[in-house]
Protein backbone atom coordinates (compact mmCIF):
# COMPACT_ATOMS: atom_id res chain seq x y z
CA MET A 1 192.34 100.08 53.43
CA THR A 2 190.66 98.80 56.58
CA ASP A 3 188.37 95.81 56.12
CA THR A 4 184.89 97.05 55.25
CA ALA A 5 183.44 94.39 57.59
CA VAL A 6 184.43 96.46 60.62
CA THR A 7 181.24 97.60 62.33
CA ALA A 8 180.44 100.79 64.22
CA PRO A 9 180.16 100.64 68.02
CA ALA A 10 176.89 99.83 69.72
CA THR A 11 174.95 102.20 71.98
CA PRO A 12 177.31 104.02 74.36
CA ASP A 13 177.32 103.27 78.06
CA SER A 14 176.82 106.97 78.74
CA VAL A 15 176.73 110.33 76.94
CA GLN A 16 177.94 113.60 78.45
CA PRO A 17 177.25 116.86 76.56
CA ALA A 18 179.81 119.61 77.15
CA THR A 19 178.68 122.81 78.84
CA ARG A 20 178.14 124.88 75.68
CA GLY A 21 176.47 122.07 73.71
CA THR A 22 178.83 121.87 70.72
CA VAL A 23 180.65 118.67 71.77
CA ARG A 24 179.57 115.48 73.49
CA THR A 25 181.53 112.60 75.02
CA GLU A 26 180.33 109.03 74.56
CA LEU A 27 181.77 106.25 76.73
CA TYR A 28 182.17 102.65 75.53
CA GLY A 29 183.93 100.93 78.39
CA ALA A 30 187.57 102.02 78.29
CA VAL A 31 187.07 103.85 74.97
CA ALA A 32 185.69 107.40 74.74
CA HIS A 33 184.37 109.18 71.67
CA VAL A 34 184.65 112.97 71.64
CA VAL A 35 182.09 114.08 69.06
CA LEU A 36 181.93 117.48 67.35
CA ASP A 37 178.19 118.05 67.54
CA ARG A 38 177.06 120.84 65.21
CA PRO A 39 175.97 118.64 62.29
CA ASP A 40 173.66 121.25 60.74
CA THR A 41 176.74 123.40 60.02
CA LEU A 42 179.12 120.52 59.18
CA ASN A 43 180.50 120.99 62.70
CA SER A 44 181.82 124.45 61.88
CA ILE A 45 183.88 126.04 64.62
CA THR A 46 182.78 128.69 67.12
CA PRO A 47 184.55 129.83 70.32
CA ASP A 48 182.06 127.65 72.23
CA MET A 49 183.49 124.59 70.46
CA PHE A 50 186.99 125.50 71.59
CA TYR A 51 185.84 125.72 75.20
CA ASP A 52 183.87 122.48 74.94
CA LEU A 53 186.80 120.56 73.45
CA VAL A 54 189.13 121.66 76.22
CA GLU A 55 186.48 120.74 78.80
CA ALA A 56 186.01 117.27 77.29
CA GLY A 57 189.75 116.69 77.03
CA GLN A 58 190.42 117.73 80.61
CA ALA A 59 187.67 115.43 81.91
CA LEU A 60 189.07 112.45 79.98
CA ALA A 61 192.64 113.24 81.02
CA ALA A 62 191.52 112.90 84.64
CA ASP A 63 189.61 109.65 84.06
CA GLU A 64 191.97 106.71 84.64
CA SER A 65 189.37 104.23 83.35
CA ILE A 66 189.84 105.57 79.79
CA ARG A 67 192.57 103.98 77.67
CA ALA A 68 191.85 105.30 74.17
CA ILE A 69 189.86 108.15 72.59
CA VAL A 70 188.22 108.62 69.20
CA LEU A 71 187.78 112.21 67.97
CA ARG A 72 185.08 112.45 65.30
CA GLY A 73 182.38 114.62 63.80
CA GLU A 74 178.63 114.05 63.83
CA GLY A 75 176.74 114.01 60.53
CA ARG A 76 178.10 114.51 57.02
CA GLY A 77 181.61 115.65 57.88
CA PHE A 78 184.35 115.89 60.46
CA CYS A 79 184.59 119.68 60.56
CA ALA A 80 184.21 122.28 57.79
CA GLY A 81 186.39 124.83 59.57
CA LEU A 82 185.52 128.18 61.05
CA ASP A 83 181.85 129.14 61.12
CA MET A 84 181.26 131.82 58.50
CA GLY A 85 179.72 134.05 61.13
CA GLN A 86 183.12 134.30 62.82
CA PHE A 87 184.91 136.02 59.93
CA GLU A 88 183.59 139.44 60.91
CA ARG A 89 185.34 138.94 64.25
CA ILE A 90 188.61 138.04 62.49
CA VAL A 91 188.47 141.10 60.22
CA ALA A 92 187.92 143.21 63.32
CA GLY A 93 191.07 141.70 64.84
CA ASN A 94 189.31 140.04 67.77
CA MET A 95 190.35 136.76 69.37
CA ALA A 96 188.18 133.63 69.30
CA GLY A 97 187.46 133.66 73.03
CA GLU A 98 189.74 134.25 75.97
CA PRO A 99 192.46 131.65 76.58
CA LEU A 100 192.02 129.42 79.59
CA ASP A 101 194.41 129.35 82.52
CA ILE A 102 195.60 125.78 81.95
CA PRO A 103 199.02 124.10 81.61
CA GLY A 104 200.62 123.87 78.18
CA ASN A 105 202.49 125.77 75.49
CA ALA A 106 199.45 127.32 73.78
CA SER A 107 198.71 130.98 74.40
CA ALA A 108 195.41 131.18 72.50
CA LEU A 109 192.12 129.37 73.11
CA ALA A 110 192.04 127.94 69.56
CA GLN A 111 195.49 126.44 70.08
CA GLN A 112 194.48 125.04 73.46
CA ALA A 113 191.61 123.16 71.77
CA VAL A 114 194.22 121.30 69.70
CA GLU A 115 197.01 120.98 72.27
CA ILE A 116 194.63 119.36 74.76
CA TRP A 117 194.88 116.08 72.81
CA SER A 118 198.62 115.89 73.39
CA GLN A 119 198.00 116.58 77.08
CA VAL A 120 195.49 113.74 77.34
CA PRO A 121 197.79 110.89 78.39
CA VAL A 122 196.18 108.09 76.35
CA PRO A 123 196.13 107.60 72.54
CA VAL A 124 193.74 109.79 70.52
CA ILE A 125 192.51 108.64 67.09
CA ALA A 126 190.82 111.09 64.71
CA ALA A 127 188.16 109.56 62.43
CA LEU A 128 187.85 111.76 59.33
CA HIS A 129 185.07 111.90 56.76
CA GLY A 130 183.58 114.59 54.55
CA PRO A 131 185.30 117.96 54.99
CA ALA A 132 188.20 118.37 57.42
CA LEU A 133 189.09 121.92 56.48
CA GLY A 134 191.00 124.79 58.09
CA GLY A 135 190.52 124.55 61.83
CA GLY A 136 188.95 121.12 61.39
CA PHE A 137 192.10 119.93 59.65
CA GLN A 138 194.13 121.29 62.56
CA PHE A 139 191.91 119.50 65.09
CA ALA A 140 192.87 116.28 63.30
CA LEU A 141 196.58 117.15 63.44
CA GLY A 142 196.32 117.22 67.23
CA ALA A 143 195.44 113.52 67.36
CA ASP A 144 198.01 110.74 67.65
CA ILE A 145 196.58 108.73 64.73
CA ARG A 146 194.31 109.70 61.81
CA ILE A 147 191.98 107.31 59.98
CA SER A 148 190.23 108.79 56.96
CA ALA A 149 187.68 107.93 54.32
CA PRO A 150 189.31 107.90 50.86
CA ASP A 151 187.26 110.91 49.71
CA THR A 152 187.71 113.07 52.82
CA LYS A 153 188.59 116.68 51.90
CA LEU A 154 191.70 117.89 53.74
CA SER A 155 192.94 121.48 53.58
CA ALA A 156 194.94 124.05 55.51
CA MET A 157 193.11 126.84 53.72
CA GLU A 158 193.65 129.85 55.96
CA VAL A 159 195.82 131.84 53.52
CA ILE A 160 192.73 132.21 51.30
CA TRP A 161 191.32 134.40 54.07
CA GLY A 162 194.53 136.35 54.57
CA ILE A 163 195.55 134.56 57.77
CA ILE A 164 197.63 131.51 58.68
CA PRO A 165 196.85 128.09 60.23
CA ASP A 166 196.92 129.44 63.77
CA MET A 167 195.68 126.37 65.66
CA MET A 168 199.13 124.75 65.88
CA GLY A 169 198.95 123.87 62.18
CA THR A 170 202.23 125.54 61.23
CA GLN A 171 203.99 123.54 63.95
CA LEU A 172 202.28 120.14 63.76
CA LEU A 173 202.02 119.69 59.99
CA PRO A 174 205.80 119.93 59.29
CA ARG A 175 206.42 117.32 61.99
CA LEU A 176 204.16 114.92 60.10
CA ILE A 177 205.19 115.50 56.48
CA GLY A 178 208.31 117.67 56.52
CA PRO A 179 208.65 121.41 55.90
CA SER A 180 208.49 121.46 52.09
CA LYS A 181 205.21 119.54 51.76
CA ALA A 182 203.75 121.49 54.68
CA LYS A 183 204.69 124.78 53.02
CA ARG A 184 203.17 123.71 49.72
CA LEU A 185 199.89 122.74 51.36
CA ILE A 186 199.75 125.96 53.39
CA PHE A 187 200.95 128.31 50.60
CA THR A 188 198.50 126.96 47.99
CA ALA A 189 195.53 126.21 50.29
CA ASP A 190 195.05 123.11 48.13
CA THR A 191 192.39 120.61 49.12
CA ILE A 192 193.59 117.02 48.95
CA SER A 193 191.73 113.74 49.37
CA GLY A 194 192.13 111.21 52.13
CA GLU A 195 193.95 109.02 49.60
CA GLN A 196 196.51 111.75 48.90
CA GLY A 197 196.71 112.46 52.61
CA LEU A 198 197.76 108.84 53.10
CA GLU A 199 200.43 109.20 50.39
CA TRP A 200 201.77 112.37 52.03
CA GLY A 201 201.77 110.93 55.56
CA ILE A 202 199.01 113.13 56.98
CA VAL A 203 196.63 110.18 57.22
CA ASP A 204 197.74 106.86 58.71
CA GLU A 205 195.00 104.60 57.36
CA LEU A 206 192.05 104.64 54.94
CA ALA A 207 188.68 103.10 55.76
CA ASP A 208 185.26 103.11 54.14
CA ASP A 209 183.83 103.69 57.62
CA PRO A 210 186.46 105.68 59.55
CA ARG A 211 184.32 105.86 62.68
CA ALA A 212 184.05 102.07 62.88
CA ALA A 213 187.73 101.57 62.02
CA ALA A 214 188.83 104.13 64.61
CA HIS A 215 186.66 102.51 67.26
CA ALA A 216 188.01 99.04 66.43
CA LEU A 217 191.57 100.31 66.74
CA ALA A 218 190.74 102.11 69.98
CA GLU A 219 189.24 98.91 71.40
CA ARG A 220 192.41 97.02 70.48
CA ILE A 221 194.60 99.67 72.09
CA ALA A 222 192.37 99.75 75.18
CA GLY A 223 193.22 96.09 75.77
CA MET A 224 196.80 97.08 76.59
CA SER A 225 198.27 98.22 79.90
CA ARG A 226 197.20 101.82 80.47
CA SER A 227 200.44 102.76 82.19
CA ALA A 228 202.46 101.37 79.27
CA LEU A 229 200.28 103.33 76.83
CA VAL A 230 200.72 106.55 78.78
CA TRP A 231 204.49 106.19 78.91
CA SER A 232 204.68 105.17 75.23
CA LYS A 233 202.78 108.28 74.12
CA ARG A 234 204.88 110.52 76.37
CA LEU A 235 208.16 109.08 75.10
CA VAL A 236 207.30 109.29 71.40
CA ASP A 237 206.08 112.87 71.84
CA MET A 238 209.39 113.71 73.55
CA ALA A 239 211.31 112.67 70.44
CA ASP A 240 210.42 115.96 68.69
CA THR A 241 212.13 118.15 71.27
CA ALA A 242 214.32 116.09 73.62
CA SER A 243 217.94 115.18 72.99
CA LEU A 244 218.75 111.53 72.39
CA ARG A 245 220.36 111.38 75.83
CA GLU A 246 217.18 112.75 77.45
CA GLY A 247 214.99 110.36 75.49
CA LEU A 248 217.05 107.31 76.42
CA ALA A 249 217.08 108.33 80.07
CA ALA A 250 213.29 108.72 79.98
CA GLU A 251 212.96 105.22 78.50
CA GLN A 252 214.86 103.80 81.45
CA GLN A 253 212.76 105.81 83.89
CA ALA A 254 209.61 104.43 82.27
CA LEU A 255 210.90 100.88 82.46
CA SER A 256 211.82 101.22 86.13
CA GLU A 257 208.33 102.55 86.95
CA LEU A 258 206.47 99.90 84.91
CA ARG A 259 208.47 96.79 85.68
CA GLY A 260 207.14 94.53 88.42
CA THR A 261 203.90 96.41 89.05
CA ASP A 262 200.59 94.57 89.39
CA GLU A 263 199.52 96.04 86.05
CA GLN A 264 202.64 94.76 84.32
CA LYS A 265 202.26 91.32 85.90
CA ALA A 266 198.65 91.20 84.68
CA ALA A 267 199.82 92.09 81.17
CA VAL A 268 202.37 89.25 81.22
CA GLU A 269 199.77 86.79 82.51
CA LYS A 270 197.32 87.85 79.81
CA ARG A 271 199.91 87.48 77.06
CA MET A 272 201.08 84.08 78.28
CA GLY A 273 197.46 82.91 78.28
CA GLU A 274 197.01 84.12 74.70
CA LEU A 275 200.16 82.29 73.57
CA ALA A 276 199.07 79.09 75.33
CA ALA A 277 195.66 79.26 73.68
CA ARG A 278 197.25 79.82 70.28
CA LYS A 279 199.55 76.84 70.78
CA ALA A 280 196.64 74.64 71.82
CA ALA A 281 194.63 75.71 68.77
CA LYS A 282 197.52 74.82 66.45
CA ALA A 283 197.89 71.42 68.08
CA GLN A 284 194.21 70.68 67.44
CA ALA A 285 194.31 71.85 63.81
């Protein structure tokens, strides 16, 4: 469990609402928070939210000043899943908005709102509290790291409604916890706690204040070389689909592009300074 002394971030440097008003982006130096912003409905999902998430993700992907992102929900929960008003559309067989003409593997707008976080080149940390259900659970699966409150409610509950986790859930969940556990969670629509999510490998860390813990981790990550972060995320993501030969070749390509650059030299200088300061502090102790 993360130290409860971790504090939430101060006032953001700037706030940018997305076009449809369901998501906002807060900037804290090199860290961005993407905030699901329908707190009166526990951030329940509408097609507008899908569009807004893709918009926010694309803007951050293009911003080279950003080195880490926190994905979180405003109010009492992360995201309670699909807005109840949308079920009439599902029964009628209609899609949740038209897919956007953007790069990626996803063919549906709802999938694009999850896949965008793998397309953002820097690390994305989901901060989970309250309900993270259905589509909200799948939003969290799209992040690189998940930090949860112990009592967060996690569920891939779509089978209750006669559908399946269609926002990349059937593909991302098995990669985290293996096919048998993923099938059990999907088949039963069970709701598990953040604590059980940690045991199963869905959640990476528990914190009393996941927003503060996620921000602290993002700040730590943002202190690293951005180019090294981008390559590290790309290489680890490749491991799911690339052959070992392809992965090893990509490692060497990354190293050749990073080595000797001004950014890499600055990273070495920073680290050497930290080690010198640590040595001096020990000598004085």
